[in-house]
Amino acid sequence: MACPGFSPYGLAMDYRRLGSSGLKVSELSFGSWVTFNTQLDTDLAGNCMEAAWDAGVNFFDNAEAYDAGKSETIMGEVFAQVDWPRNQYVVSTKFFFGIDDGPNTKMTLNRKYLGQAIEGSLGRLGLDFVDIAYCHRCDPDTPMEEIVWAMHDMVERGQATYWGTSMWMASELREAHAVADRLGLRKPITEQSEYSLLRRTMVEEEYAPLYEEIGLGNTIWSPLASGLLTGKYLDGVPDDSRLALAEYDWLSEALQIEENMAKVRNLVPIADDLGCSMAQLAIAWCLKNPNVSTVITGASRPSQVTENMAALEVVERLDDATMARIEEAVA
């Protein structure tokens, strides 16, 4: 399931199979949600991506909806500047929320939208294909057969190598696989779910039968609960954090719930005893789950990338006793 790689930082990066496919992704990956364009310009984004690449990261995640396509544009500009062999890195993007207003351009997965959306993303990324195209949410207004056919055709045209889903219910995943089986079409190989010490139900309970039943992979996002698990919000919201951005007021209100803050406080002494940061503890804990294919990390500066990558050293310190302490802390 894994083959080791080594970075200049001396960290051993493993590469895990993405579900039942043969594609291998670094166990820590790098995503652009929130930060690209809102906090990072092309130069700083490039510095962060290169720091991740130097640490052994081979998977870079994006989405059409991230800052209305500007995130894809910045990542594409970075790809154009670096000299990485295209066969050495994995790129993903996602479709559903759309960029342009209209009944066939937002909140849909119909064939018209998907066929045009992938062309727009490839243009912004400056790539001939993406390795994984995700359906960013499920669409109750489009028949599942139409969705599966459209994603199958996207792969057949060579615009994507694989396709997956993000935040779909288990019943929707089963339906998509049943349709693909019946029609002999390409199946989704992976989910992309929110997962952290504060968000566990979907990955640990709802999908539990699917890891073996359909060979589900999972490229999890928000391992730090949008920064809450770093502990930096225990004394308020720093001016340079994402929760200070006006467009993320909703996120600030949702995350700063006292029950969650109490759990974060309970984790502080555990991180102190391990000699690691709160962020490293939270990321390492996610990596302990064998059903997690990769943990998507984000950063607003290269030093955060370096800190996040050091979570690889913390995983081996999470023995049974420590994992029990963590469970008690967030119970």
C-alpha atoms as a PDB file:
ATOM      1  CA  MET A   1       0.000   0.000   0.000  1.00  0.00           C
ATOM      2  CA  ALA A   2       2.883   2.423   0.564  1.00  0.00           C
ATOM      3  CA  CYS A   3       6.318   3.087  -0.821  1.00  0.00           C
ATOM      4  CA  PRO A   4       8.691   5.382   1.096  1.00  0.00           C
ATOM      5  CA  GLY A   5      10.140   8.612  -0.225  1.00  0.00           C
ATOM      6  CA  PHE A   6      12.603  10.949   1.460  1.00  0.00           C
ATOM      7  CA  SER A   7      12.755  14.738   1.488  1.00  0.00           C
ATOM      8  CA  PRO A   8      15.676  17.113   1.989  1.00  0.00           C
ATOM      9  CA  TYR A   9      14.233  17.739   5.463  1.00  0.00           C
ATOM     10  CA  GLY A  10      15.038  14.151   6.443  1.00  0.00           C
ATOM     11  CA  LEU A  11      11.343  13.259   6.664  1.00  0.00           C
ATOM     12  CA  ALA A  12      10.152   9.914   5.350  1.00  0.00           C
ATOM     13  CA  MET A  13       7.066  10.472   3.202  1.00  0.00           C
ATOM     14  CA  ASP A  14       4.930   7.446   2.409  1.00  0.00           C
ATOM     15  CA  TYR A  15       2.799   7.165  -0.702  1.00  0.00           C
ATOM     16  CA  ARG A  16      -0.550   5.465  -0.195  1.00  0.00           C
ATOM     17  CA  ARG A  17      -2.743   3.865  -2.830  1.00  0.00           C
ATOM     18  CA  LEU A  18      -5.830   5.924  -3.523  1.00  0.00           C
ATOM     19  CA  GLY A  19      -8.569   3.458  -2.714  1.00  0.00           C
ATOM     20  CA  SER A  20      -8.570   0.411  -4.966  1.00  0.00           C
ATOM     21  CA  SER A  21      -6.806   2.261  -7.792  1.00  0.00           C
ATOM     22  CA  GLY A  22      -3.110   1.977  -8.542  1.00  0.00           C
ATOM     23  CA  LEU A  23      -2.566   5.732  -8.096  1.00  0.00           C
ATOM     24  CA  LYS A  24      -0.263   6.597  -5.196  1.00  0.00           C
ATOM     25  CA  VAL A  25      -0.494   9.921  -3.399  1.00  0.00           C
ATOM     26  CA  SER A  26       1.757  11.331  -0.703  1.00  0.00           C
ATOM     27  CA  GLU A  27       0.249  10.799   2.740  1.00  0.00           C
ATOM     28  CA  LEU A  28       0.474  14.568   3.264  1.00  0.00           C
ATOM     29  CA  SER A  29      -0.672  16.761   0.391  1.00  0.00           C
ATOM     30  CA  PHE A  30      -1.152  20.470  -0.293  1.00  0.00           C
ATOM     31  CA  GLY A  31      -4.395  22.294  -1.039  1.00  0.00           C
ATOM     32  CA  SER A  32      -5.274  25.846  -2.024  1.00  0.00           C
ATOM     33  CA  TRP A  33      -8.669  26.362  -0.350  1.00  0.00           C
ATOM     34  CA  VAL A  34      -9.058  29.762   1.385  1.00  0.00           C
ATOM     35  CA  THR A  35      -5.418  30.806   1.050  1.00  0.00           C
ATOM     36  CA  PHE A  36      -4.723  31.196  -2.692  1.00  0.00           C
ATOM     37  CA  ASN A  37      -5.465  34.759  -3.841  1.00  0.00           C
ATOM     38  CA  THR A  38      -7.077  35.752  -0.512  1.00  0.00           C
ATOM     39  CA  GLN A  39      -3.788  35.361   1.412  1.00  0.00           C
ATOM     40  CA  LEU A  40      -1.236  34.172  -1.154  1.00  0.00           C
ATOM     41  CA  ASP A  41      -0.148  35.720  -4.432  1.00  0.00           C
ATOM     42  CA  THR A  42       1.629  33.655  -7.090  1.00  0.00           C
ATOM     43  CA  ASP A  43       5.107  34.150  -5.611  1.00  0.00           C
ATOM     44  CA  LEU A  44       4.138  33.162  -2.075  1.00  0.00           C
ATOM     45  CA  ALA A  45       1.939  30.318  -3.327  1.00  0.00           C
ATOM     46  CA  GLY A  46       4.906  29.073  -5.349  1.00  0.00           C
ATOM     47  CA  ASN A  47       7.157  29.198  -2.286  1.00  0.00           C
ATOM     48  CA  CYS A  48       4.638  27.146  -0.305  1.00  0.00           C
ATOM     49  CA  MET A  49       4.146  24.604  -3.098  1.00  0.00           C
ATOM     50  CA  GLU A  50       7.901  24.212  -3.555  1.00  0.00           C
ATOM     51  CA  ALA A  51       8.345  23.685   0.185  1.00  0.00           C
ATOM     52  CA  ALA A  52       5.693  20.961   0.020  1.00  0.00           C
ATOM     53  CA  TRP A  53       7.318  19.411  -3.072  1.00  0.00           C
ATOM     54  CA  ASP A  54      10.716  19.387  -1.356  1.00  0.00           C
ATOM     55  CA  ALA A  55       9.128  17.548   1.573  1.00  0.00           C
ATOM     56  CA  GLY A  56       7.927  14.767  -0.747  1.00  0.00           C
ATOM     57  CA  VAL A  57       4.383  15.981  -1.495  1.00  0.00           C
ATOM     58  CA  ASN A  58       3.147  14.832  -4.902  1.00  0.00           C
ATOM     59  CA  PHE A  59      -0.573  15.711  -4.648  1.00  0.00           C
ATOM     60  CA  PHE A  60      -1.894  19.257  -5.112  1.00  0.00           C
ATOM     61  CA  ASP A  61      -5.610  19.937  -4.653  1.00  0.00           C
ATOM     62  CA  ASN A  62      -7.760  22.736  -6.050  1.00  0.00           C
ATOM     63  CA  ALA A  63     -11.338  23.490  -7.128  1.00  0.00           C
ATOM     64  CA  GLU A  64     -13.084  25.592  -9.719  1.00  0.00           C
ATOM     65  CA  ALA A  65     -15.023  27.401  -6.978  1.00  0.00           C
ATOM     66  CA  TYR A  66     -11.993  28.415  -4.907  1.00  0.00           C
ATOM     67  CA  ASP A  67     -12.076  32.190  -5.223  1.00  0.00           C
ATOM     68  CA  ALA A  68     -14.050  31.889  -8.461  1.00  0.00           C
ATOM     69  CA  GLY A  69     -11.251  30.236 -10.427  1.00  0.00           C
ATOM     70  CA  LYS A  70      -8.465  32.547  -9.242  1.00  0.00           C
ATOM     71  CA  SER A  71      -7.001  29.764  -7.090  1.00  0.00           C
ATOM     72  CA  GLU A  72      -6.647  27.550 -10.161  1.00  0.00           C
ATOM     73  CA  THR A  73      -5.042  30.419 -12.083  1.00  0.00           C
ATOM     74  CA  ILE A  74      -2.419  30.961  -9.377  1.00  0.00           C
ATOM     75  CA  MET A  75      -1.628  27.263  -9.140  1.00  0.00           C
ATOM     76  CA  GLY A  76      -1.351  27.115 -12.924  1.00  0.00           C
ATOM     77  CA  GLU A  77       1.104  30.002 -12.887  1.00  0.00           C
ATOM     78  CA  VAL A  78       3.218  28.123 -10.349  1.00  0.00           C
ATOM     79  CA  PHE A  79       3.180  24.962 -12.456  1.00  0.00           C
ATOM     80  CA  ALA A  80       4.397  27.019 -15.403  1.00  0.00           C
ATOM     81  CA  GLN A  81       7.333  28.352 -13.373  1.00  0.00           C
ATOM     82  CA  VAL A  82       8.612  25.157 -11.753  1.00  0.00           C
ATOM     83  CA  ASP A  83      10.424  22.419 -13.624  1.00  0.00           C
ATOM     84  CA  TRP A  84       8.637  19.436 -12.100  1.00  0.00           C
ATOM     85  CA  PRO A  85       8.055  16.506 -14.479  1.00  0.00           C
ATOM     86  CA  ARG A  86       4.300  16.264 -15.115  1.00  0.00           C
ATOM     87  CA  ASN A  87       4.373  12.514 -14.520  1.00  0.00           C
ATOM     88  CA  GLN A  88       5.665  13.078 -10.985  1.00  0.00           C
ATOM     89  CA  TYR A  89       2.814  15.108  -9.481  1.00  0.00           C
ATOM     90  CA  VAL A  90      -0.924  14.614  -9.070  1.00  0.00           C
ATOM     91  CA  VAL A  91      -3.402  17.482  -9.538  1.00  0.00           C
ATOM     92  CA  SER A  92      -7.086  17.553  -8.687  1.00  0.00           C
ATOM     93  CA  THR A  93      -9.931  20.000  -9.109  1.00  0.00           C
ATOM     94  CA  LYS A  94     -13.645  19.936  -8.333  1.00  0.00           C
ATOM     95  CA  PHE A  95     -16.941  20.875  -9.936  1.00  0.00           C
ATOM     96  CA  PHE A  96     -20.437  21.743  -8.694  1.00  0.00           C
ATOM     97  CA  PHE A  97     -20.565  25.238  -7.186  1.00  0.00           C
ATOM     98  CA  GLY A  98     -19.591  26.925 -10.439  1.00  0.00           C
ATOM     99  CA  ILE A  99     -18.303  30.413 -11.194  1.00  0.00           C
ATOM    100  CA  ASP A 100     -20.926  32.067 -13.421  1.00  0.00           C
ATOM    101  CA  ASP A 101     -24.528  32.706 -12.428  1.00  0.00           C
ATOM    102  CA  GLY A 102     -27.149  30.705 -14.305  1.00  0.00           C
ATOM    103  CA  PRO A 103     -29.299  27.568 -14.031  1.00  0.00           C
ATOM    104  CA  ASN A 104     -26.696  25.440 -15.818  1.00  0.00           C
ATOM    105  CA  THR A 105     -23.553  26.976 -14.351  1.00  0.00           C
ATOM    106  CA  LYS A 106     -24.010  26.807 -10.565  1.00  0.00           C
ATOM    107  CA  MET A 107     -25.007  24.060  -8.135  1.00  0.00           C
ATOM    108  CA  THR A 108     -25.305  21.423 -10.828  1.00  0.00           C
ATOM    109  CA  LEU A 109     -23.627  18.330 -12.224  1.00  0.00           C
ATOM    110  CA  ASN A 110     -25.480  18.158 -15.511  1.00  0.00           C
ATOM    111  CA  ARG A 111     -23.604  17.067 -18.621  1.00  0.00           C
ATOM    112  CA  LYS A 112     -23.521  20.547 -20.165  1.00  0.00           C
ATOM    113  CA  TYR A 113     -21.940  22.116 -17.096  1.00  0.00           C
ATOM    114  CA  LEU A 114     -19.379  19.366 -16.485  1.00  0.00           C
ATOM    115  CA  GLY A 115     -18.230  19.309 -20.109  1.00  0.00           C
ATOM    116  CA  GLN A 116     -17.580  23.048 -20.106  1.00  0.00           C
ATOM    117  CA  ALA A 117     -16.305  23.342 -16.531  1.00  0.00           C
ATOM    118  CA  ILE A 118     -13.413  20.947 -17.081  1.00  0.00           C
ATOM    119  CA  GLU A 119     -12.289  22.953 -20.119  1.00  0.00           C
ATOM    120  CA  GLY A 120     -12.254  26.139 -18.038  1.00  0.00           C
ATOM    121  CA  SER A 121     -10.270  24.520 -15.231  1.00  0.00           C
ATOM    122  CA  LEU A 122      -7.671  23.067 -17.583  1.00  0.00           C
ATOM    123  CA  GLY A 123      -7.237  26.483 -19.168  1.00  0.00           C
ATOM    124  CA  ARG A 124      -6.693  28.177 -15.800  1.00  0.00           C
ATOM    125  CA  LEU A 125      -4.342  25.442 -14.584  1.00  0.00           C
ATOM    126  CA  GLY A 126      -2.445  25.423 -17.872  1.00  0.00           C
ATOM    127  CA  LEU A 127      -2.647  21.620 -18.020  1.00  0.00           C
ATOM    128  CA  ASP A 128      -3.736  19.103 -20.633  1.00  0.00           C
ATOM    129  CA  PHE A 129      -5.441  16.988 -17.974  1.00  0.00           C
ATOM    130  CA  VAL A 130      -6.031  16.703 -14.233  1.00  0.00           C
ATOM    131  CA  ASP A 131      -5.360  13.457 -12.446  1.00  0.00           C
ATOM    132  CA  ILE A 132      -8.561  13.556 -10.390  1.00  0.00           C
ATOM    133  CA  ALA A 133     -11.788  15.418 -11.152  1.00  0.00           C
ATOM    134  CA  TYR A 134     -14.183  15.555  -8.212  1.00  0.00           C
ATOM    135  CA  CYS A 135     -17.906  16.154  -8.084  1.00  0.00           C
ATOM    136  CA  HIS A 136     -17.725  18.729  -5.277  1.00  0.00           C
ATOM    137  CA  ARG A 137     -21.196  17.844  -3.952  1.00  0.00           C
ATOM    138  CA  CYS A 138     -23.933  15.549  -5.193  1.00  0.00           C
ATOM    139  CA  ASP A 139     -26.700  17.046  -7.327  1.00  0.00           C
ATOM    140  CA  PRO A 140     -30.234  15.841  -6.518  1.00  0.00           C
ATOM    141  CA  ASP A 141     -31.597  17.537  -9.664  1.00  0.00           C
ATOM    142  CA  THR A 142     -29.442  15.573 -12.110  1.00  0.00           C
ATOM    143  CA  PRO A 143     -30.039  11.830 -12.579  1.00  0.00           C
ATOM    144  CA  MET A 144     -27.174   9.735 -11.262  1.00  0.00           C
ATOM    145  CA  GLU A 145     -26.877   8.008 -14.619  1.00  0.00           C
ATOM    146  CA  GLU A 146     -26.216  11.380 -16.300  1.00  0.00           C
ATOM    147  CA  ILE A 147     -23.561  12.298 -13.694  1.00  0.00           C
ATOM    148  CA  VAL A 148     -21.724   8.988 -13.997  1.00  0.00           C
ATOM    149  CA  TRP A 149     -21.854   9.085 -17.801  1.00  0.00           C
ATOM    150  CA  ALA A 150     -20.520  12.658 -17.888  1.00  0.00           C
ATOM    151  CA  MET A 151     -17.610  11.832 -15.557  1.00  0.00           C
ATOM    152  CA  HIS A 152     -16.898   8.622 -17.488  1.00  0.00           C
ATOM    153  CA  ASP A 153     -16.747  10.608 -20.722  1.00  0.00           C
ATOM    154  CA  MET A 154     -14.449  13.190 -19.107  1.00  0.00           C
ATOM    155  CA  VAL A 155     -12.014  10.390 -18.299  1.00  0.00           C
ATOM    156  CA  GLU A 156     -12.415   8.797 -21.739  1.00  0.00           C
ATOM    157  CA  ARG A 157     -11.603  12.132 -23.411  1.00  0.00           C
ATOM    158  CA  GLY A 158      -8.352  12.266 -21.449  1.00  0.00           C
ATOM    159  CA  GLN A 159      -9.305  15.423 -19.549  1.00  0.00           C
ATOM    160  CA  ALA A 160      -9.097  13.561 -16.238  1.00  0.00           C
ATOM    161  CA  THR A 161      -7.391  10.304 -15.320  1.00  0.00           C
ATOM    162  CA  TYR A 162      -9.774   9.395 -12.480  1.00  0.00           C
ATOM    163  CA  TRP A 163     -12.889  10.864 -10.951  1.00  0.00           C
ATOM    164  CA  GLY A 164     -14.115  11.099  -7.390  1.00  0.00           C
ATOM    165  CA  THR A 165     -16.661  12.731  -5.113  1.00  0.00           C
ATOM    166  CA  SER A 166     -16.586  15.197  -2.245  1.00  0.00           C
ATOM    167  CA  MET A 167     -18.985  15.202   0.712  1.00  0.00           C
ATOM    168  CA  TRP A 168     -21.360  12.672  -0.834  1.00  0.00           C
ATOM    169  CA  MET A 169     -23.537  10.493   1.360  1.00  0.00           C
ATOM    170  CA  ALA A 170     -22.789   6.780   1.513  1.00  0.00           C
ATOM    171  CA  SER A 171     -26.090   6.026  -0.230  1.00  0.00           C
ATOM    172  CA  GLU A 172     -25.119   8.324  -3.125  1.00  0.00           C
ATOM    173  CA  LEU A 173     -21.750   6.613  -3.487  1.00  0.00           C
ATOM    174  CA  ARG A 174     -23.427   3.209  -3.583  1.00  0.00           C
ATOM    175  CA  GLU A 175     -25.851   4.443  -6.243  1.00  0.00           C
ATOM    176  CA  ALA A 176     -23.024   5.810  -8.398  1.00  0.00           C
ATOM    177  CA  HIS A 177     -21.162   2.494  -8.200  1.00  0.00           C
ATOM    178  CA  ALA A 178     -24.328   0.547  -8.999  1.00  0.00           C
ATOM    179  CA  VAL A 179     -24.944   2.702 -12.088  1.00  0.00           C
ATOM    180  CA  ALA A 180     -21.331   2.304 -13.216  1.00  0.00           C
ATOM    181  CA  ASP A 181     -21.487  -1.465 -12.710  1.00  0.00           C
ATOM    182  CA  ARG A 182     -24.736  -1.752 -14.664  1.00  0.00           C
ATOM    183  CA  LEU A 183     -23.518   0.334 -17.599  1.00  0.00           C
ATOM    184  CA  GLY A 184     -19.849  -0.676 -17.565  1.00  0.00           C
ATOM    185  CA  LEU A 185     -18.666   2.876 -16.835  1.00  0.00           C
ATOM    186  CA  ARG A 186     -15.752   4.358 -14.889  1.00  0.00           C
ATOM    187  CA  LYS A 187     -16.391   4.408 -11.152  1.00  0.00           C
ATOM    188  CA  PRO A 188     -15.410   7.103  -8.653  1.00  0.00           C
ATOM    189  CA  ILE A 189     -12.229   5.953  -6.902  1.00  0.00           C
ATOM    190  CA  THR A 190     -12.151   8.352  -3.976  1.00  0.00           C
ATOM    191  CA  GLU A 191     -14.085  10.651  -1.693  1.00  0.00           C
ATOM    192  CA  GLN A 192     -12.858  13.950  -0.276  1.00  0.00           C
ATOM    193  CA  SER A 193     -14.367  14.410   3.165  1.00  0.00           C
ATOM    194  CA  GLU A 194     -13.927  16.790   6.044  1.00  0.00           C
ATOM    195  CA  TYR A 195     -12.116  14.957   8.820  1.00  0.00           C
ATOM    196  CA  SER A 196     -10.475  16.063  12.032  1.00  0.00           C
ATOM    197  CA  LEU A 197     -10.557  15.437  15.763  1.00  0.00           C
ATOM    198  CA  LEU A 198     -13.679  17.612  15.780  1.00  0.00           C
ATOM    199  CA  ARG A 199     -15.376  16.214  12.615  1.00  0.00           C
ATOM    200  CA  ARG A 200     -15.368  12.405  12.588  1.00  0.00           C
ATOM    201  CA  THR A 201     -18.778  10.907  11.878  1.00  0.00           C
ATOM    202  CA  MET A 202     -18.725  10.761   8.078  1.00  0.00           C
ATOM    203  CA  VAL A 203     -15.268   9.172   7.718  1.00  0.00           C
ATOM    204  CA  GLU A 204     -15.410   6.843  10.717  1.00  0.00           C
ATOM    205  CA  GLU A 205     -19.061   5.803  10.747  1.00  0.00           C
ATOM    206  CA  GLU A 206     -21.023   6.570   7.578  1.00  0.00           C
ATOM    207  CA  TYR A 207     -18.307   5.341   5.209  1.00  0.00           C
ATOM    208  CA  ALA A 208     -17.096   2.470   7.400  1.00  0.00           C
ATOM    209  CA  PRO A 209     -18.555  -0.344   5.212  1.00  0.00           C
ATOM    210  CA  LEU A 210     -17.470   1.321   1.953  1.00  0.00           C
ATOM    211  CA  TYR A 211     -13.700   1.036   2.370  1.00  0.00           C
ATOM    212  CA  GLU A 212     -13.904  -2.695   1.656  1.00  0.00           C
ATOM    213  CA  GLU A 213     -17.291  -2.798  -0.071  1.00  0.00           C
ATOM    214  CA  ILE A 214     -16.317  -0.492  -2.967  1.00  0.00           C
ATOM    215  CA  GLY A 215     -12.611   0.084  -2.285  1.00  0.00           C
ATOM    216  CA  LEU A 216     -13.178   3.698  -1.278  1.00  0.00           C
ATOM    217  CA  GLY A 217     -10.184   6.021  -0.931  1.00  0.00           C
ATOM    218  CA  ASN A 218     -10.382   9.309   0.960  1.00  0.00           C
ATOM    219  CA  THR A 219      -8.376  12.511   0.486  1.00  0.00           C
ATOM    220  CA  ILE A 220      -9.459  14.260   3.670  1.00  0.00           C
ATOM    221  CA  TRP A 221      -9.592  18.040   4.116  1.00  0.00           C
ATOM    222  CA  SER A 222      -9.533  20.460   7.069  1.00  0.00           C
ATOM    223  CA  PRO A 223      -7.484  18.252   9.443  1.00  0.00           C
ATOM    224  CA  LEU A 224      -6.963  21.344  11.616  1.00  0.00           C
ATOM    225  CA  ALA A 225     -10.689  22.216  11.659  1.00  0.00           C
ATOM    226  CA  SER A 226      -9.884  25.390   9.703  1.00  0.00           C
ATOM    227  CA  GLY A 227      -7.151  26.276  12.194  1.00  0.00           C
ATOM    228  CA  LEU A 228      -9.096  25.715  15.414  1.00  0.00           C
ATOM    229  CA  LEU A 229      -6.964  22.688  16.313  1.00  0.00           C
ATOM    230  CA  THR A 230      -3.767  24.741  16.125  1.00  0.00           C
ATOM    231  CA  GLY A 231      -4.841  26.432  19.371  1.00  0.00           C
ATOM    232  CA  LYS A 232      -4.270  29.884  17.904  1.00  0.00           C
ATOM    233  CA  TYR A 233      -7.892  30.906  18.481  1.00  0.00           C
ATOM    234  CA  LEU A 234      -7.980  30.094  22.187  1.00  0.00           C
ATOM    235  CA  ASP A 235      -7.271  33.739  23.043  1.00  0.00           C
ATOM    236  CA  GLY A 236      -9.203  35.335  20.187  1.00  0.00           C
ATOM    237  CA  VAL A 237      -8.870  35.658  16.417  1.00  0.00           C
ATOM    238  CA  PRO A 238      -5.461  36.901  15.195  1.00  0.00           C
ATOM    239  CA  ASP A 239      -5.617  39.690  12.596  1.00  0.00           C
ATOM    240  CA  ASP A 240      -3.622  37.678  10.045  1.00  0.00           C
ATOM    241  CA  SER A 241      -5.735  34.514  10.254  1.00  0.00           C
ATOM    242  CA  ARG A 242      -8.417  33.330   7.830  1.00  0.00           C
ATOM    243  CA  LEU A 243     -11.127  33.774  10.484  1.00  0.00           C
ATOM    244  CA  ALA A 244     -10.323  37.491  10.457  1.00  0.00           C
ATOM    245  CA  LEU A 245     -11.377  37.694   6.792  1.00  0.00           C
ATOM    246  CA  ALA A 246     -14.842  39.206   6.361  1.00  0.00           C
ATOM    247  CA  GLU A 247     -15.971  36.511   3.924  1.00  0.00           C
ATOM    248  CA  TYR A 248     -15.319  33.821   6.550  1.00  0.00           C
ATOM    249  CA  ASP A 249     -17.509  35.206   9.338  1.00  0.00           C
ATOM    250  CA  TRP A 250     -19.686  32.108   9.013  1.00  0.00           C
ATOM    251  CA  LEU A 251     -16.658  29.891   9.621  1.00  0.00           C
ATOM    252  CA  SER A 252     -15.603  31.881  12.677  1.00  0.00           C
ATOM    253  CA  GLU A 253     -19.031  31.575  14.268  1.00  0.00           C
ATOM    254  CA  ALA A 254     -19.301  27.848  13.523  1.00  0.00           C
ATOM    255  CA  LEU A 255     -15.885  26.923  14.868  1.00  0.00           C
ATOM    256  CA  GLN A 256     -15.691  29.046  17.995  1.00  0.00           C
ATOM    257  CA  ILE A 257     -18.168  26.948  19.924  1.00  0.00           C
ATOM    258  CA  GLU A 258     -17.205  26.599  23.568  1.00  0.00           C
ATOM    259  CA  GLU A 259     -17.493  22.805  23.495  1.00  0.00           C
ATOM    260  CA  ASN A 260     -14.896  22.715  20.706  1.00  0.00           C
ATOM    261  CA  MET A 261     -12.674  25.231  22.454  1.00  0.00           C
ATOM    262  CA  ALA A 262     -12.745  23.043  25.577  1.00  0.00           C
ATOM    263  CA  LYS A 263     -11.608  20.046  23.538  1.00  0.00           C
ATOM    264  CA  VAL A 264      -8.761  22.054  22.062  1.00  0.00           C
ATOM    265  CA  ARG A 265      -7.650  23.092  25.564  1.00  0.00           C
ATOM    266  CA  ASN A 266      -7.689  19.432  26.610  1.00  0.00           C
ATOM    267  CA  LEU A 267      -5.306  18.587  23.756  1.00  0.00           C
ATOM    268  CA  VAL A 268      -2.682  21.194  24.676  1.00  0.00           C
ATOM    269  CA  PRO A 269      -0.951  19.140  27.420  1.00  0.00           C
ATOM    270  CA  ILE A 270      -0.852  16.079  25.150  1.00  0.00           C
ATOM    271  CA  ALA A 271       0.977  18.025  22.454  1.00  0.00           C
ATOM    272  CA  ASP A 272       3.304  19.451  25.106  1.00  0.00           C
ATOM    273  CA  ASP A 273       4.145  15.958  26.380  1.00  0.00           C
ATOM    274  CA  LEU A 274       4.855  14.793  22.812  1.00  0.00           C
ATOM    275  CA  GLY A 275       7.049  17.817  22.161  1.00  0.00           C
ATOM    276  CA  CYS A 276       5.085  18.836  19.081  1.00  0.00           C
ATOM    277  CA  SER A 277       2.778  21.625  18.003  1.00  0.00           C
ATOM    278  CA  MET A 278      -0.991  21.314  18.177  1.00  0.00           C
ATOM    279  CA  ALA A 279      -1.126  21.338  14.375  1.00  0.00           C
ATOM    280  CA  GLN A 280       1.334  18.445  14.146  1.00  0.00           C
ATOM    281  CA  LEU A 281      -0.665  16.454  16.684  1.00  0.00           C
ATOM    282  CA  ALA A 282      -3.927  16.957  14.774  1.00  0.00           C
ATOM    283  CA  ILE A 283      -2.404  16.029  11.403  1.00  0.00           C
ATOM    284  CA  ALA A 284      -0.555  12.998  12.807  1.00  0.00           C
ATOM    285  CA  TRP A 285      -3.785  11.778  14.413  1.00  0.00           C
ATOM    286  CA  CYS A 286      -5.529  11.853  11.008  1.00  0.00           C
ATOM    287  CA  LEU A 287      -2.661   9.872   9.473  1.00  0.00           C
ATOM    288  CA  LYS A 288      -3.175   7.095  12.018  1.00  0.00           C
ATOM    289  CA  ASN A 289      -6.475   6.225  10.313  1.00  0.00           C
ATOM    290  CA  PRO A 290      -5.646   3.523   7.710  1.00  0.00           C
ATOM    291  CA  ASN A 291      -8.668   4.570   5.630  1.00  0.00           C
ATOM    292  CA  VAL A 292      -7.201   8.028   5.030  1.00  0.00           C
ATOM    293  CA  SER A 293      -5.360   8.067   1.700  1.00  0.00           C
ATOM    294  CA  THR A 294      -3.883  11.523   2.185  1.00  0.00           C
ATOM    295  CA  VAL A 295      -4.281  14.482   4.526  1.00  0.00           C
ATOM    296  CA  ILE A 296      -4.671  17.734   2.578  1.00  0.00           C
ATOM    297  CA  THR A 297      -2.814  20.518   4.358  1.00  0.00           C
ATOM    298  CA  GLY A 298      -2.826  24.222   3.639  1.00  0.00           C
ATOM    299  CA  ALA A 299      -0.560  27.119   4.558  1.00  0.00           C
ATOM    300  CA  SER A 300      -0.250  30.880   4.224  1.00  0.00           C
ATOM    301  CA  ARG A 301       3.565  30.849   4.399  1.00  0.00           C
ATOM    302  CA  PRO A 302       6.369  28.340   3.762  1.00  0.00           C
ATOM    303  CA  SER A 303       7.184  28.013   7.471  1.00  0.00           C
ATOM    304  CA  GLN A 304       3.694  26.589   8.035  1.00  0.00           C
ATOM    305  CA  VAL A 305       4.334  24.018   5.317  1.00  0.00           C
ATOM    306  CA  THR A 306       7.539  22.953   7.069  1.00  0.00           C
ATOM    307  CA  GLU A 307       5.733  22.697  10.407  1.00  0.00           C
ATOM    308  CA  ASN A 308       2.890  20.648   8.909  1.00  0.00           C
ATOM    309  CA  MET A 309       5.288  18.242   7.195  1.00  0.00           C
ATOM    310  CA  ALA A 310       7.009  17.574  10.530  1.00  0.00           C
ATOM    311  CA  ALA A 311       3.799  15.838  11.620  1.00  0.00           C
ATOM    312  CA  LEU A 312       5.288  12.776   9.899  1.00  0.00           C
ATOM    313  CA  GLU A 313       7.706  12.487  12.834  1.00  0.00           C
ATOM    314  CA  VAL A 314       4.869  12.584  15.365  1.00  0.00           C
ATOM    315  CA  VAL A 315       2.868   9.635  13.987  1.00  0.00           C
ATOM    316  CA  GLU A 316       5.158   7.004  15.493  1.00  0.00           C
ATOM    317  CA  ARG A 317       4.809   8.638  18.920  1.00  0.00           C
ATOM    318  CA  LEU A 318       1.050   8.085  18.911  1.00  0.00           C
ATOM    319  CA  ASP A 319       1.023   4.766  20.738  1.00  0.00           C
ATOM    320  CA  ASP A 320      -2.119   3.154  22.140  1.00  0.00           C
ATOM    321  CA  ALA A 321      -1.866   4.997  25.448  1.00  0.00           C
ATOM    322  CA  THR A 322      -1.509   8.374  23.748  1.00  0.00           C
ATOM    323  CA  MET A 323      -4.375   7.664  21.363  1.00  0.00           C
ATOM    324  CA  ALA A 324      -6.523   6.809  24.405  1.00  0.00           C
ATOM    325  CA  ARG A 325      -5.576  10.146  26.003  1.00  0.00           C
ATOM    326  CA  ILE A 326      -6.597  11.941  22.824  1.00  0.00           C
ATOM    327  CA  GLU A 327      -9.944  10.119  22.750  1.00  0.00           C
ATOM    328  CA  GLU A 328     -10.605  11.152  26.337  1.00  0.00           C
ATOM    329  CA  ALA A 329      -9.638  14.742  25.568  1.00  0.00           C
ATOM    330  CA  VAL A 330     -12.193  15.127  22.779  1.00  0.00           C
ATOM    331  CA  ALA A 331     -14.902  12.830  24.159  1.00  0.00           C
END
